[in-house]
Amino acid sequence: MQSSRILLTDTNIYMDKNHCGTNIYLRSFLVCIITIPIFICGFSYIGEGLQAKSIFQEANDFFNQGKYEDSLSRYQQIIENNPSVADRVLFEMGIIYAYPKNEKKDFQKALECFQKLIKNYPDSEYRQNSQMMVFQVNNIINKDKIIATQQTQIESSQREVKSKDNEIASLQKKNEMLQQKIETLEQKIFAFRTEPADKILIEKKERRLTLLSKGEAIKTYKIALGGNPIGPKERQGDNKTPEGMYTIDGKNRDSSYHLSLRISYPNEKDKARARELGVSPGGDIMIHGIKNGLGWVGTAHTEIDWTKGCIAVTDEEIEEIDRLAPNGTVVEIRP
């Protein structure tokens, strides 16, 4: 027992230096089983003599080489041929079965070795260490069971979440398809609309143009504005889009921008402001499509404000607006 106590003390020092972050129960477990290389190679063999040292040497060598199956096989031969050292053999076999580096470790067989030693060899110097090992191995087994149960629950939850995600994705896809069908249907219905809009509402901040009839929005469009969009237009060349109340007062199908609807800018308020500033208020403010030859740009044109103060939509959209907004339609342009 004195030799064993010295070895365990040495191992505690080793563990303090190299495994300070290990869980307490696992550290205790490793403190016990890591003694095997020291225990096997450094055992004093007191009372066993040279013969004992010789019969254990091959098993020790196999262990040190990582040949754990061969080591266990040699120990089995030793216990059959030398029953007087059976307690030591059982202890060392139990250690090998539980050794972390043994890829084929078997905690149940380790327990069987330690329990057999405790039962059959009550006076063995390995009895106390075997009892400690039984406690630690059982602790590991129980914790592994808890971890396995938790892992199973986690995997089950993950499968449920994945199933729900798939259901959500499927519903989203169905919703998108339904929305596309609705939009297509609305577009077809809109194409047959003959009642004109009575107002065009332009909201500069939202970059949105809305056709209204009797106060009800019948269609909205995303727009691009003048390159200097904040604030009302004050003078010619300031690249600002006007703000105020106007009307559609003319249409031009020979425009450089596919088709254009002229807005009655400047109104009296715009003219007065320009007079106060001593500048020309400018004019030719339109709702128009994309520059001729560039219609393929489509809705991407709204990614920047690119006009000189006009309101721009796609070529298809200006055709719709033209069809439903006759001359005289009110145009309100809000900041």
C-alpha atoms as a PDB file:
ATOM      1  CA  MET A   1       0.000   0.000   0.000  1.00  0.00           C
ATOM      2  CA  GLN A   2       2.890   2.318   0.620  1.00  0.00           C
ATOM      3  CA  SER A   3       3.992   2.057  -3.025  1.00  0.00           C
ATOM      4  CA  SER A   4       0.458   2.758  -4.256  1.00  0.00           C
ATOM      5  CA  ARG A   5       0.079   5.827  -2.035  1.00  0.00           C
ATOM      6  CA  ILE A   6       3.326   7.281  -3.352  1.00  0.00           C
ATOM      7  CA  LEU A   7       2.261   6.722  -6.950  1.00  0.00           C
ATOM      8  CA  LEU A   8      -1.143   8.357  -6.438  1.00  0.00           C
ATOM      9  CA  THR A   9       0.509  11.352  -4.775  1.00  0.00           C
ATOM     10  CA  ASP A  10       2.884  11.734  -7.688  1.00  0.00           C
ATOM     11  CA  THR A  11      -0.049  11.517 -10.078  1.00  0.00           C
ATOM     12  CA  ASN A  12      -1.969  14.213  -8.201  1.00  0.00           C
ATOM     13  CA  ILE A  13       0.978  16.539  -8.707  1.00  0.00           C
ATOM     14  CA  TYR A  14       1.019  15.640 -12.388  1.00  0.00           C
ATOM     15  CA  MET A  15      -2.696  16.302 -12.750  1.00  0.00           C
ATOM     16  CA  ASP A  16      -2.517  19.654 -10.956  1.00  0.00           C
ATOM     17  CA  LYS A  17       0.001  20.829 -13.516  1.00  0.00           C
ATOM     18  CA  ASN A  18      -1.594  19.406 -16.627  1.00  0.00           C
ATOM     19  CA  HIS A  19      -5.366  19.036 -16.066  1.00  0.00           C
ATOM     20  CA  CYS A  20      -6.398  21.966 -13.884  1.00  0.00           C
ATOM     21  CA  GLY A  21      -9.416  22.645 -16.061  1.00  0.00           C
ATOM     22  CA  THR A  22     -10.829  19.099 -15.948  1.00  0.00           C
ATOM     23  CA  ASN A  23     -14.135  18.436 -14.193  1.00  0.00           C
ATOM     24  CA  ILE A  24     -13.704  17.229 -10.606  1.00  0.00           C
ATOM     25  CA  TYR A  25     -15.196  13.788 -11.120  1.00  0.00           C
ATOM     26  CA  LEU A  26     -13.216  13.237 -14.317  1.00  0.00           C
ATOM     27  CA  ARG A  27     -10.029  14.470 -12.680  1.00  0.00           C
ATOM     28  CA  SER A  28     -10.452  11.966  -9.867  1.00  0.00           C
ATOM     29  CA  PHE A  29     -11.072   9.277 -12.417  1.00  0.00           C
ATOM     30  CA  LEU A  30      -7.949  10.187 -14.395  1.00  0.00           C
ATOM     31  CA  VAL A  31      -5.881  10.477 -11.230  1.00  0.00           C
ATOM     32  CA  CYS A  32      -6.617   6.813 -10.676  1.00  0.00           C
ATOM     33  CA  ILE A  33      -6.246   5.413 -14.156  1.00  0.00           C
ATOM     34  CA  ILE A  34      -3.315   7.550 -15.283  1.00  0.00           C
ATOM     35  CA  THR A  35      -1.217   5.740 -12.678  1.00  0.00           C
ATOM     36  CA  ILE A  36      -1.093   2.661 -14.843  1.00  0.00           C
ATOM     37  CA  PRO A  37       2.035   3.592 -16.842  1.00  0.00           C
ATOM     38  CA  ILE A  38       3.815   4.564 -13.612  1.00  0.00           C
ATOM     39  CA  PHE A  39       2.251   1.732 -11.675  1.00  0.00           C
ATOM     40  CA  ILE A  40       3.190  -0.940 -14.191  1.00  0.00           C
ATOM     41  CA  CYS A  41       6.648   0.339 -15.025  1.00  0.00           C
ATOM     42  CA  GLY A  42       7.581   1.663 -11.599  1.00  0.00           C
ATOM     43  CA  PHE A  43       6.076  -1.000  -9.346  1.00  0.00           C
ATOM     44  CA  SER A  44       8.604  -2.167  -6.799  1.00  0.00           C
ATOM     45  CA  TYR A  45       7.615  -5.845  -7.105  1.00  0.00           C
ATOM     46  CA  ILE A  46       8.359  -6.304  -3.385  1.00  0.00           C
ATOM     47  CA  GLY A  47       7.293  -9.783  -2.371  1.00  0.00           C
ATOM     48  CA  GLU A  48       6.862 -10.917  -5.993  1.00  0.00           C
ATOM     49  CA  GLY A  49      10.505 -11.272  -7.001  1.00  0.00           C
ATOM     50  CA  LEU A  50      12.112 -11.473 -10.371  1.00  0.00           C
ATOM     51  CA  GLN A  51       9.684 -14.099 -11.628  1.00  0.00           C
ATOM     52  CA  ALA A  52       6.722 -11.774 -11.079  1.00  0.00           C
ATOM     53  CA  LYS A  53       8.604  -8.955 -12.796  1.00  0.00           C
ATOM     54  CA  SER A  54       9.308 -11.176 -15.763  1.00  0.00           C
ATOM     55  CA  ILE A  55       5.751 -12.446 -16.257  1.00  0.00           C
ATOM     56  CA  PHE A  56       4.361  -8.908 -16.136  1.00  0.00           C
ATOM     57  CA  GLN A  57       6.984  -7.382 -18.428  1.00  0.00           C
ATOM     58  CA  GLU A  58       5.437  -8.392 -21.758  1.00  0.00           C
ATOM     59  CA  ALA A  59       1.961  -7.216 -20.706  1.00  0.00           C
ATOM     60  CA  ASN A  60       3.516  -3.915 -19.571  1.00  0.00           C
ATOM     61  CA  ASP A  61       5.338  -3.505 -22.873  1.00  0.00           C
ATOM     62  CA  PHE A  62       2.173  -4.075 -24.872  1.00  0.00           C
ATOM     63  CA  PHE A  63       0.396  -1.453 -22.755  1.00  0.00           C
ATOM     64  CA  ASN A  64       3.168   1.121 -23.203  1.00  0.00           C
ATOM     65  CA  GLN A  65       3.010   0.515 -26.976  1.00  0.00           C
ATOM     66  CA  GLY A  66      -0.726   1.164 -26.991  1.00  0.00           C
ATOM     67  CA  LYS A  67      -1.528  -2.468 -27.812  1.00  0.00           C
ATOM     68  CA  TYR A  68      -4.248  -2.740 -25.214  1.00  0.00           C
ATOM     69  CA  GLU A  69      -5.916  -5.882 -26.599  1.00  0.00           C
ATOM     70  CA  ASP A  70      -2.569  -7.714 -26.614  1.00  0.00           C
ATOM     71  CA  SER A  71      -1.849  -6.488 -23.105  1.00  0.00           C
ATOM     72  CA  LEU A  72      -5.202  -7.761 -21.849  1.00  0.00           C
ATOM     73  CA  SER A  73      -4.640 -11.106 -23.566  1.00  0.00           C
ATOM     74  CA  ARG A  74      -1.245 -11.460 -21.857  1.00  0.00           C
ATOM     75  CA  TYR A  75      -2.764 -10.564 -18.471  1.00  0.00           C
ATOM     76  CA  GLN A  76      -5.380 -13.266 -19.000  1.00  0.00           C
ATOM     77  CA  GLN A  77      -2.607 -15.798 -19.520  1.00  0.00           C
ATOM     78  CA  ILE A  78      -0.861 -14.563 -16.373  1.00  0.00           C
ATOM     79  CA  ILE A  79      -3.956 -14.967 -14.221  1.00  0.00           C
ATOM     80  CA  GLU A  80      -4.472 -18.509 -15.534  1.00  0.00           C
ATOM     81  CA  ASN A  81      -0.870 -19.574 -14.956  1.00  0.00           C
ATOM     82  CA  ASN A  82      -0.123 -17.527 -11.811  1.00  0.00           C
ATOM     83  CA  PRO A  83      -3.228 -17.336  -9.603  1.00  0.00           C
ATOM     84  CA  SER A  84      -1.110 -15.943  -6.764  1.00  0.00           C
ATOM     85  CA  VAL A  85      -0.947 -12.566  -8.521  1.00  0.00           C
ATOM     86  CA  ALA A  86      -4.585 -12.569  -9.653  1.00  0.00           C
ATOM     87  CA  ASP A  87      -5.498  -9.519  -7.589  1.00  0.00           C
ATOM     88  CA  ARG A  88      -2.843  -7.387  -9.234  1.00  0.00           C
ATOM     89  CA  VAL A  89      -3.800  -8.708 -12.681  1.00  0.00           C
ATOM     90  CA  LEU A  90      -7.480  -7.903 -12.099  1.00  0.00           C
ATOM     91  CA  PHE A  91      -6.616  -4.397 -10.972  1.00  0.00           C
ATOM     92  CA  GLU A  92      -4.381  -3.681 -13.953  1.00  0.00           C
ATOM     93  CA  MET A  93      -6.884  -5.213 -16.392  1.00  0.00           C
ATOM     94  CA  GLY A  94      -9.598  -3.004 -14.885  1.00  0.00           C
ATOM     95  CA  ILE A  95      -7.371   0.021 -15.410  1.00  0.00           C
ATOM     96  CA  ILE A  96      -6.761  -0.900 -19.066  1.00  0.00           C
ATOM     97  CA  TYR A  97     -10.470  -1.439 -19.725  1.00  0.00           C
ATOM     98  CA  ALA A  98     -11.152   2.060 -18.347  1.00  0.00           C
ATOM     99  CA  TYR A  99      -8.063   3.779 -19.777  1.00  0.00           C
ATOM    100  CA  PRO A 100      -9.067   6.924 -21.785  1.00  0.00           C
ATOM    101  CA  LYS A 101      -6.622   6.248 -24.630  1.00  0.00           C
ATOM    102  CA  ASN A 102      -7.999   2.766 -25.134  1.00  0.00           C
ATOM    103  CA  GLU A 103     -10.385   3.213 -28.059  1.00  0.00           C
ATOM    104  CA  LYS A 104     -12.074  -0.084 -27.127  1.00  0.00           C
ATOM    105  CA  LYS A 105     -12.439   0.762 -23.465  1.00  0.00           C
ATOM    106  CA  ASP A 106     -15.271  -1.032 -21.694  1.00  0.00           C
ATOM    107  CA  PHE A 107     -16.399   0.430 -18.383  1.00  0.00           C
ATOM    108  CA  GLN A 108     -18.574  -2.586 -17.628  1.00  0.00           C
ATOM    109  CA  LYS A 109     -15.645  -5.002 -17.924  1.00  0.00           C
ATOM    110  CA  ALA A 110     -13.531  -2.632 -15.847  1.00  0.00           C
ATOM    111  CA  LEU A 111     -16.187  -2.767 -13.105  1.00  0.00           C
ATOM    112  CA  GLU A 112     -16.257  -6.567 -13.287  1.00  0.00           C
ATOM    113  CA  CYS A 113     -12.481  -6.714 -12.724  1.00  0.00           C
ATOM    114  CA  PHE A 114     -12.534  -4.313  -9.760  1.00  0.00           C
ATOM    115  CA  GLN A 115     -15.617  -5.920  -8.178  1.00  0.00           C
ATOM    116  CA  LYS A 116     -14.154  -9.408  -8.526  1.00  0.00           C
ATOM    117  CA  LEU A 117     -10.975  -8.229  -6.827  1.00  0.00           C
ATOM    118  CA  ILE A 118     -12.933  -6.654  -3.962  1.00  0.00           C
ATOM    119  CA  LYS A 119     -15.061  -9.759  -3.478  1.00  0.00           C
ATOM    120  CA  ASN A 120     -12.401 -12.466  -3.855  1.00  0.00           C
ATOM    121  CA  TYR A 121      -9.365 -10.727  -2.387  1.00  0.00           C
ATOM    122  CA  PRO A 122     -10.448  -8.793   0.720  1.00  0.00           C
ATOM    123  CA  ASP A 123      -6.859  -8.508   2.010  1.00  0.00           C
ATOM    124  CA  SER A 124      -5.357  -7.305  -1.287  1.00  0.00           C
ATOM    125  CA  GLU A 125      -3.326  -4.121  -1.261  1.00  0.00           C
ATOM    126  CA  TYR A 126      -5.307  -3.160  -4.402  1.00  0.00           C
ATOM    127  CA  ARG A 127      -8.677  -3.405  -2.672  1.00  0.00           C
ATOM    128  CA  GLN A 128      -8.911   0.242  -1.579  1.00  0.00           C
ATOM    129  CA  ASN A 129      -7.917   1.581  -4.984  1.00  0.00           C
ATOM    130  CA  SER A 130     -10.375  -0.833  -6.615  1.00  0.00           C
ATOM    131  CA  GLN A 131     -13.178   0.486  -4.429  1.00  0.00           C
ATOM    132  CA  MET A 132     -12.302   4.007  -5.459  1.00  0.00           C
ATOM    133  CA  MET A 133     -12.265   2.951  -9.107  1.00  0.00           C
ATOM    134  CA  VAL A 134     -15.696   1.302  -8.788  1.00  0.00           C
ATOM    135  CA  PHE A 135     -17.080   4.550  -7.432  1.00  0.00           C
ATOM    136  CA  GLN A 136     -15.473   6.675 -10.146  1.00  0.00           C
ATOM    137  CA  VAL A 137     -16.392   4.364 -13.033  1.00  0.00           C
ATOM    138  CA  ASN A 138     -20.002   4.168 -11.840  1.00  0.00           C
ATOM    139  CA  ASN A 139     -19.994   7.941 -11.600  1.00  0.00           C
ATOM    140  CA  ILE A 140     -18.760   8.197 -15.188  1.00  0.00           C
ATOM    141  CA  ILE A 141     -21.330   5.649 -16.431  1.00  0.00           C
ATOM    142  CA  ASN A 142     -24.182   7.505 -14.721  1.00  0.00           C
ATOM    143  CA  LYS A 143     -23.064  10.842 -16.087  1.00  0.00           C
ATOM    144  CA  ASP A 144     -22.691   9.333 -19.567  1.00  0.00           C
ATOM    145  CA  LYS A 145     -26.265   8.054 -19.314  1.00  0.00           C
ATOM    146  CA  ILE A 146     -27.467  11.520 -18.346  1.00  0.00           C
ATOM    147  CA  ILE A 147     -25.520  13.076 -21.222  1.00  0.00           C
ATOM    148  CA  ALA A 148     -26.851  10.439 -23.644  1.00  0.00           C
ATOM    149  CA  THR A 149     -30.423  11.141 -22.502  1.00  0.00           C
ATOM    150  CA  GLN A 150     -29.909  14.873 -22.870  1.00  0.00           C
ATOM    151  CA  GLN A 151     -28.338  14.378 -26.282  1.00  0.00           C
ATOM    152  CA  THR A 152     -31.305  12.276 -27.370  1.00  0.00           C
ATOM    153  CA  GLN A 153     -33.663  14.997 -26.170  1.00  0.00           C
ATOM    154  CA  ILE A 154     -31.619  17.648 -27.989  1.00  0.00           C
ATOM    155  CA  GLU A 155     -31.641  15.624 -31.210  1.00  0.00           C
ATOM    156  CA  SER A 156     -35.372  15.072 -30.876  1.00  0.00           C
ATOM    157  CA  SER A 157     -35.906  18.794 -30.343  1.00  0.00           C
ATOM    158  CA  GLN A 158     -33.689  19.573 -33.330  1.00  0.00           C
ATOM    159  CA  ARG A 159     -35.722  17.213 -35.497  1.00  0.00           C
ATOM    160  CA  GLU A 160     -38.930  18.895 -34.332  1.00  0.00           C
ATOM    161  CA  VAL A 161     -37.474  22.337 -35.036  1.00  0.00           C
ATOM    162  CA  LYS A 162     -36.294  21.210 -38.467  1.00  0.00           C
ATOM    163  CA  SER A 163     -39.731  19.774 -39.178  1.00  0.00           C
ATOM    164  CA  LYS A 164     -41.350  23.045 -38.122  1.00  0.00           C
ATOM    165  CA  ASP A 165     -38.839  24.996 -40.226  1.00  0.00           C
ATOM    166  CA  ASN A 166     -39.733  22.849 -43.221  1.00  0.00           C
ATOM    167  CA  GLU A 167     -43.422  23.448 -42.578  1.00  0.00           C
ATOM    168  CA  ILE A 168     -42.827  27.195 -42.300  1.00  0.00           C
ATOM    169  CA  ALA A 169     -40.717  27.209 -45.467  1.00  0.00           C
ATOM    170  CA  SER A 170     -43.440  25.283 -47.288  1.00  0.00           C
ATOM    171  CA  LEU A 171     -46.112  27.711 -46.062  1.00  0.00           C
ATOM    172  CA  GLN A 172     -43.960  30.680 -47.052  1.00  0.00           C
ATOM    173  CA  LYS A 173     -43.496  29.223 -50.518  1.00  0.00           C
ATOM    174  CA  LYS A 174     -47.243  28.633 -50.852  1.00  0.00           C
ATOM    175  CA  ASN A 175     -47.878  32.175 -49.615  1.00  0.00           C
ATOM    176  CA  GLU A 176     -45.434  33.594 -52.173  1.00  0.00           C
ATOM    177  CA  MET A 177     -47.103  31.626 -54.945  1.00  0.00           C
ATOM    178  CA  LEU A 178     -50.519  32.808 -53.792  1.00  0.00           C
ATOM    179  CA  GLN A 179     -49.282  36.390 -53.622  1.00  0.00           C
ATOM    180  CA  GLN A 180     -47.939  36.101 -57.160  1.00  0.00           C
ATOM    181  CA  LYS A 181     -51.301  34.779 -58.335  1.00  0.00           C
ATOM    182  CA  ILE A 182     -53.082  37.642 -56.574  1.00  0.00           C
ATOM    183  CA  GLU A 183     -50.732  40.197 -58.124  1.00  0.00           C
ATOM    184  CA  THR A 184     -51.187  38.641 -61.551  1.00  0.00           C
ATOM    185  CA  LEU A 185     -54.968  38.689 -61.125  1.00  0.00           C
ATOM    186  CA  GLU A 186     -54.906  42.288 -59.900  1.00  0.00           C
ATOM    187  CA  GLN A 187     -52.773  43.233 -62.890  1.00  0.00           C
ATOM    188  CA  LYS A 188     -55.267  41.616 -65.267  1.00  0.00           C
ATOM    189  CA  ILE A 189     -58.173  43.358 -63.563  1.00  0.00           C
ATOM    190  CA  PHE A 190     -56.295  46.666 -63.623  1.00  0.00           C
ATOM    191  CA  ALA A 191     -55.633  46.249 -67.351  1.00  0.00           C
ATOM    192  CA  PHE A 192     -59.371  46.230 -67.968  1.00  0.00           C
ATOM    193  CA  ARG A 193     -60.037  49.275 -65.774  1.00  0.00           C
ATOM    194  CA  THR A 194     -61.659  52.096 -67.718  1.00  0.00           C
ATOM    195  CA  GLU A 195     -62.595  54.502 -64.925  1.00  0.00           C
ATOM    196  CA  PRO A 196     -59.885  57.176 -64.793  1.00  0.00           C
ATOM    197  CA  ALA A 197     -57.994  58.307 -61.727  1.00  0.00           C
ATOM    198  CA  ASP A 198     -58.955  61.717 -60.409  1.00  0.00           C
ATOM    199  CA  LYS A 199     -55.728  62.365 -58.515  1.00  0.00           C
ATOM    200  CA  ILE A 200     -52.052  61.478 -58.579  1.00  0.00           C
ATOM    201  CA  LEU A 201     -50.367  61.590 -55.176  1.00  0.00           C
ATOM    202  CA  ILE A 202     -46.577  61.785 -55.164  1.00  0.00           C
ATOM    203  CA  GLU A 203     -44.802  61.274 -51.822  1.00  0.00           C
ATOM    204  CA  LYS A 204     -41.180  62.249 -52.233  1.00  0.00           C
ATOM    205  CA  LYS A 205     -39.837  60.831 -48.970  1.00  0.00           C
ATOM    206  CA  GLU A 206     -41.421  57.410 -49.637  1.00  0.00           C
ATOM    207  CA  ARG A 207     -40.454  57.550 -53.350  1.00  0.00           C
ATOM    208  CA  ARG A 208     -44.029  56.562 -54.137  1.00  0.00           C
ATOM    209  CA  LEU A 209     -46.640  57.573 -56.713  1.00  0.00           C
ATOM    210  CA  THR A 210     -50.276  56.561 -56.097  1.00  0.00           C
ATOM    211  CA  LEU A 211     -53.210  56.715 -58.476  1.00  0.00           C
ATOM    212  CA  LEU A 212     -56.429  57.552 -56.614  1.00  0.00           C
ATOM    213  CA  SER A 213     -60.068  57.459 -57.595  1.00  0.00           C
ATOM    214  CA  LYS A 214     -62.622  59.017 -55.254  1.00  0.00           C
ATOM    215  CA  GLY A 215     -60.100  58.885 -52.432  1.00  0.00           C
ATOM    216  CA  GLU A 216     -59.284  55.173 -52.948  1.00  0.00           C
ATOM    217  CA  ALA A 217     -55.828  54.055 -54.009  1.00  0.00           C
ATOM    218  CA  ILE A 218     -56.072  51.980 -57.168  1.00  0.00           C
ATOM    219  CA  LYS A 219     -52.361  51.419 -57.773  1.00  0.00           C
ATOM    220  CA  THR A 220     -48.971  52.529 -56.444  1.00  0.00           C
ATOM    221  CA  TYR A 221     -45.587  52.815 -58.129  1.00  0.00           C
ATOM    222  CA  LYS A 222     -42.018  53.161 -56.939  1.00  0.00           C
ATOM    223  CA  ILE A 223     -40.379  56.274 -58.362  1.00  0.00           C
ATOM    224  CA  ALA A 224     -37.082  58.076 -58.849  1.00  0.00           C
ATOM    225  CA  LEU A 225     -36.805  61.837 -58.281  1.00  0.00           C
ATOM    226  CA  GLY A 226     -34.477  64.678 -59.108  1.00  0.00           C
ATOM    227  CA  GLY A 227     -30.867  64.286 -58.083  1.00  0.00           C
ATOM    228  CA  ASN A 228     -31.347  66.904 -55.323  1.00  0.00           C
ATOM    229  CA  PRO A 229     -34.683  65.690 -53.935  1.00  0.00           C
ATOM    230  CA  ILE A 230     -34.954  67.340 -50.509  1.00  0.00           C
ATOM    231  CA  GLY A 231     -37.035  70.506 -50.388  1.00  0.00           C
ATOM    232  CA  PRO A 232     -39.223  72.211 -53.029  1.00  0.00           C
ATOM    233  CA  LYS A 233     -37.911  73.305 -56.396  1.00  0.00           C
ATOM    234  CA  GLU A 234     -36.791  76.951 -56.246  1.00  0.00           C
ATOM    235  CA  ARG A 235     -35.013  77.723 -59.482  1.00  0.00           C
ATOM    236  CA  GLN A 236     -34.104  76.398 -62.877  1.00  0.00           C
ATOM    237  CA  GLY A 237     -31.308  73.819 -62.797  1.00  0.00           C
ATOM    238  CA  ASP A 238     -31.436  72.992 -59.057  1.00  0.00           C
ATOM    239  CA  ASN A 239     -32.384  69.337 -59.818  1.00  0.00           C
ATOM    240  CA  LYS A 240     -35.183  69.480 -57.246  1.00  0.00           C
ATOM    241  CA  THR A 241     -38.625  67.935 -57.627  1.00  0.00           C
ATOM    242  CA  PRO A 242     -41.420  70.486 -56.899  1.00  0.00           C
ATOM    243  CA  GLU A 243     -43.791  70.293 -53.924  1.00  0.00           C
ATOM    244  CA  GLY A 244     -47.382  71.522 -54.035  1.00  0.00           C
ATOM    245  CA  MET A 245     -50.653  71.197 -55.976  1.00  0.00           C
ATOM    246  CA  TYR A 246     -50.575  70.880 -59.765  1.00  0.00           C
ATOM    247  CA  THR A 247     -52.398  69.219 -62.655  1.00  0.00           C
ATOM    248  CA  ILE A 248     -51.495  67.204 -65.728  1.00  0.00           C
ATOM    249  CA  ASP A 249     -51.568  69.844 -68.456  1.00  0.00           C
ATOM    250  CA  GLY A 250     -50.122  67.999 -71.424  1.00  0.00           C
ATOM    251  CA  LYS A 251     -48.770  64.712 -72.803  1.00  0.00           C
ATOM    252  CA  ASN A 252     -45.855  64.039 -75.128  1.00  0.00           C
ATOM    253  CA  ARG A 253     -45.387  60.716 -76.884  1.00  0.00           C
ATOM    254  CA  ASP A 254     -42.333  62.047 -78.706  1.00  0.00           C
ATOM    255  CA  SER A 255     -40.507  62.631 -75.444  1.00  0.00           C
ATOM    256  CA  SER A 256     -36.884  61.624 -74.958  1.00  0.00           C
ATOM    257  CA  TYR A 257     -38.161  59.538 -72.050  1.00  0.00           C
ATOM    258  CA  HIS A 258     -40.536  57.089 -73.780  1.00  0.00           C
ATOM    259  CA  LEU A 259     -43.645  59.043 -72.808  1.00  0.00           C
ATOM    260  CA  SER A 260     -44.150  62.018 -70.535  1.00  0.00           C
ATOM    261  CA  LEU A 261     -46.995  63.773 -68.728  1.00  0.00           C
ATOM    262  CA  ARG A 262     -46.264  67.444 -68.107  1.00  0.00           C
ATOM    263  CA  ILE A 263     -47.039  68.837 -64.642  1.00  0.00           C
ATOM    264  CA  SER A 264     -48.305  72.431 -64.372  1.00  0.00           C
ATOM    265  CA  TYR A 265     -45.189  73.656 -62.611  1.00  0.00           C
ATOM    266  CA  PRO A 266     -44.594  76.448 -61.697  1.00  0.00           C
ATOM    267  CA  ASN A 267     -47.776  77.398 -59.894  1.00  0.00           C
ATOM    268  CA  GLU A 268     -48.329  80.868 -58.452  1.00  0.00           C
ATOM    269  CA  LYS A 269     -46.587  80.016 -55.189  1.00  0.00           C
ATOM    270  CA  ASP A 270     -43.537  78.731 -57.075  1.00  0.00           C
ATOM    271  CA  LYS A 271     -43.401  81.888 -59.205  1.00  0.00           C
ATOM    272  CA  ALA A 272     -43.636  84.152 -56.160  1.00  0.00           C
ATOM    273  CA  ARG A 273     -40.804  82.318 -54.402  1.00  0.00           C
ATOM    274  CA  ALA A 274     -38.612  82.609 -57.501  1.00  0.00           C
ATOM    275  CA  ARG A 275     -39.332  86.351 -57.772  1.00  0.00           C
ATOM    276  CA  GLU A 276     -38.278  86.854 -54.164  1.00  0.00           C
ATOM    277  CA  LEU A 277     -35.059  85.034 -54.892  1.00  0.00           C
ATOM    278  CA  GLY A 278     -34.551  86.857 -58.166  1.00  0.00           C
ATOM    279  CA  VAL A 279     -34.263  83.653 -60.167  1.00  0.00           C
ATOM    280  CA  SER A 280     -36.135  81.784 -62.872  1.00  0.00           C
ATOM    281  CA  PRO A 281     -38.413  79.062 -61.421  1.00  0.00           C
ATOM    282  CA  GLY A 282     -37.691  76.766 -64.373  1.00  0.00           C
ATOM    283  CA  GLY A 283     -40.238  74.385 -65.896  1.00  0.00           C
ATOM    284  CA  ASP A 284     -40.724  71.212 -67.928  1.00  0.00           C
ATOM    285  CA  ILE A 285     -41.416  69.031 -64.903  1.00  0.00           C
ATOM    286  CA  MET A 286     -42.758  65.683 -66.074  1.00  0.00           C
ATOM    287  CA  ILE A 287     -43.873  62.282 -64.967  1.00  0.00           C
ATOM    288  CA  HIS A 288     -42.040  60.135 -67.492  1.00  0.00           C
ATOM    289  CA  GLY A 289     -40.618  56.740 -68.330  1.00  0.00           C
ATOM    290  CA  ILE A 290     -36.981  55.751 -68.774  1.00  0.00           C
ATOM    291  CA  LYS A 291     -34.775  57.440 -71.368  1.00  0.00           C
ATOM    292  CA  ASN A 292     -35.366  56.035 -74.818  1.00  0.00           C
ATOM    293  CA  GLY A 293     -33.197  53.000 -75.518  1.00  0.00           C
ATOM    294  CA  LEU A 294     -32.701  52.196 -71.833  1.00  0.00           C
ATOM    295  CA  GLY A 295     -36.091  50.699 -71.044  1.00  0.00           C
ATOM    296  CA  TRP A 296     -34.408  47.343 -70.304  1.00  0.00           C
ATOM    297  CA  VAL A 297     -33.214  48.835 -66.990  1.00  0.00           C
ATOM    298  CA  GLY A 298     -36.744  48.357 -65.648  1.00  0.00           C
ATOM    299  CA  THR A 299     -37.401  48.870 -61.941  1.00  0.00           C
ATOM    300  CA  ALA A 300     -33.646  49.029 -61.214  1.00  0.00           C
ATOM    301  CA  HIS A 301     -33.778  52.697 -62.217  1.00  0.00           C
ATOM    302  CA  THR A 302     -35.349  53.527 -58.831  1.00  0.00           C
ATOM    303  CA  GLU A 303     -32.175  52.592 -56.953  1.00  0.00           C
ATOM    304  CA  ILE A 304     -30.954  56.192 -57.374  1.00  0.00           C
ATOM    305  CA  ASP A 305     -32.565  59.597 -57.937  1.00  0.00           C
ATOM    306  CA  TRP A 306     -31.402  60.371 -61.449  1.00  0.00           C
ATOM    307  CA  THR A 307     -33.766  62.938 -63.031  1.00  0.00           C
ATOM    308  CA  LYS A 308     -33.349  66.713 -63.309  1.00  0.00           C
ATOM    309  CA  GLY A 309     -36.416  67.253 -61.126  1.00  0.00           C
ATOM    310  CA  CYS A 310     -38.984  65.046 -62.835  1.00  0.00           C
ATOM    311  CA  ILE A 311     -40.739  61.944 -61.498  1.00  0.00           C
ATOM    312  CA  ALA A 312     -39.637  58.736 -63.240  1.00  0.00           C
ATOM    313  CA  VAL A 313     -41.294  55.314 -63.528  1.00  0.00           C
ATOM    314  CA  THR A 314     -40.735  52.363 -65.887  1.00  0.00           C
ATOM    315  CA  ASP A 315     -41.942  52.453 -69.494  1.00  0.00           C
ATOM    316  CA  GLU A 316     -44.752  49.981 -68.757  1.00  0.00           C
ATOM    317  CA  GLU A 317     -45.841  52.021 -65.742  1.00  0.00           C
ATOM    318  CA  ILE A 318     -45.974  55.349 -67.578  1.00  0.00           C
ATOM    319  CA  GLU A 319     -48.224  53.668 -70.144  1.00  0.00           C
ATOM    320  CA  GLU A 320     -50.634  52.673 -67.356  1.00  0.00           C
ATOM    321  CA  ILE A 321     -50.547  56.114 -65.756  1.00  0.00           C
ATOM    322  CA  ASP A 322     -51.100  57.770 -69.114  1.00  0.00           C
ATOM    323  CA  ARG A 323     -54.140  55.559 -69.778  1.00  0.00           C
ATOM    324  CA  LEU A 324     -55.793  56.385 -66.443  1.00  0.00           C
ATOM    325  CA  ALA A 325     -54.703  60.011 -65.881  1.00  0.00           C
ATOM    326  CA  PRO A 326     -56.186  62.369 -68.475  1.00  0.00           C
ATOM    327  CA  ASN A 327     -55.228  65.995 -68.830  1.00  0.00           C
ATOM    328  CA  GLY A 328     -56.547  67.968 -65.888  1.00  0.00           C
ATOM    329  CA  THR A 329     -55.873  65.209 -63.336  1.00  0.00           C
ATOM    330  CA  VAL A 330     -54.849  66.722 -60.018  1.00  0.00           C
ATOM    331  CA  VAL A 331     -51.228  66.092 -58.982  1.00  0.00           C
ATOM    332  CA  GLU A 332     -50.280  66.579 -55.348  1.00  0.00           C
ATOM    333  CA  ILE A 333     -46.572  66.398 -54.571  1.00  0.00           C
ATOM    334  CA  ARG A 334     -45.747  66.045 -50.875  1.00  0.00           C
ATOM    335  CA  PRO A 335     -42.294  66.393 -49.268  1.00  0.00           C
END
